[in-house]
Amino acid sequence: MALHIYNTLTRKKEIFTPINPGSLKMYVCGMTVYSDAHIGHARTYVAFDMIRRYFEYKGLNVTYVQNITDVDDKIIAAAHKENIDPLAYSQRFTDRCLADLDALGIRRADLYPKASETIPDMIAMIGQIIARGYGYVADGDVYFSVEKFANYGKLSGQNIQEMKAGVRIEPGELKRSPLDFALWKKGKPGEPTWPSPWSPGRPGWHIECSAMSSKFLGLPFDIHGGGMDLRFPHHENEVAQAEAATGKQFARCWMHIGLLTINGEKMSKSLGNIINIRDLLRSWDPEVLRMFFVQAHYRSPPDFSEKALTDVAKGLERLYRVKEQLEKHGKKETKHDPQLTEAEKLYHDAVLDFQHEFESAMDDDFNTPKAFASFFEFVNTSNKFFEQVAQPNPEVCSTALNMYLKLGNVLTLFQPKKIDVHLGEGIEVNEKLALLLQKTKATAKSQKIEDIMHALLTAREDARRHKDWKTADLIRKDLEALGFEIQDTAQGPVWRKK
């Protein structure tokens, strides 16, 4: 089945074919870094991480660009409150926000261009817009003339005449029409400014994404994405600016992520229900959070709640139980009959069916609810198989495990758990693991949680061999207190996060 994607621009699902065979160029609107990253950001960037992973699974070489808005009214206001330079303020929150997304397990984009570093490109694009008759200067400000761009509204479905009835020109604005929007803002006292042909000032918000995507991906590019709330006016204005400046098509396909609700209510500062990622990670495993976001269809509005996370955690536990069984039975330490039994043949076929069902779901506009349904169906099949066959063929189990992990990776599952992330107070467990390493004089080859746990369990096994039951019990109890479940098996101890 060919990959079908819902294109906001055409308002229908379309067969997706990249502009250049074998490669894909994707731009996603990034964060305005005036405060910490919150779960609304997580919703969007987990979704696009999953989307990129599936493109890669399909064999495409993806170039993923995500901007950083580090020049903005909110940033300037927040920096003035702290009496620091706005760019220093935004750099602090750029580092914090990216660290939060790292901690959540979201792969980084290939490029993170900053508004402050691409202002010459914005000035050049504004100059093109003016030269082609779509922009005008008004006392040092520069505006885009919306009514001169015949296709304005094609992305959002807005009607210009209806829009005009609902907006007014604010006092102090010199624009010709209430629909026109700023391309360049003349500087005000206390604001950072850059030289331009029109005035010392700074760019309007919308122009940065038009300029950055054009610069780093060229026009047209394959996919432009962002949250549903950005469709109008931000994305509509991006289209108008880029196409007015160049005369070329901007982006072929537009993808918008459904907005998150919290306990049935819209997330907003006025309701006081904005939850920061780093605060949430103090209570919940990153994988539980990613699975919560990914299992909802990317265009749907998932409802965030503690109960929803609890349900996801239970489902994730089922997925890991099968992973552990496949890992155990996939080891080639015992002799086995090369001839497959009927049950093993059926299980091998079930692995192929699992892959087919997964791909069919994902090819249908990234239908992750159906993709997860295929996972849990395979979990049920696997559990029945292990009940029927006590010593299954290791190669069959190894093949199943590889497919299980490969498809899980697309959904952001089964990532190595690291403890070298910076979460403020949230690193307490990590520090205690490090202290436990020191206490037991165990050595881990890296800061990955898998290596630390291996070192601690090896130290525990050494203590048991030397009949040092006190140390062995201490390690087990301390790990359990930190939320790790230890199981002693015939193949040795195994661990999992509760």
Foldseek 3Di string as FASTA:
>chain_A
DAFWAQFLLVRGIDRADFPDPQEAEEEEEADAQQDAAFVQRVLWQLQVLLVVLVCVVVRHHYQYEYEYEQADPSLLVSCVVVVHASNVNSVVRVVRRVLLCVQLLGDDGPYYHYQVVCQVLLLVLLVLLVVLPQWDADQLWIKGNQVVQPCQCSSVVDDPVVVQVPFDDDPPDDDPGRPIDTQWDADDPSHQFDDHPRHTGGGDDQSSSLRVCCVPPNPAGEEYEYAPVCSPPRVSVSQSSNCSSPVGGHYDGYDHFYGEAEPPHHDDVVVPPTGGSLVVLLPDRSQLSLLLSLLDQRRHHYYDDPVSSVVSVVVVVLLVVLLVVLVVLLDPPDDDDPDADPLLVVLLVLLVVLVVQLVVCCSHNHNNNSNVVSSVVNSVSSVVSCVVDVRHDNVSSVVSSVSSVSSVVSSVPDDFAFLPRDSDVSSPLVVLLVVLCVVLVFDFPDRTPVRSVVRLQVSLVVCVVVVVVVNNVVSQVSVVVSQKHWDQDPVGIDIDGD
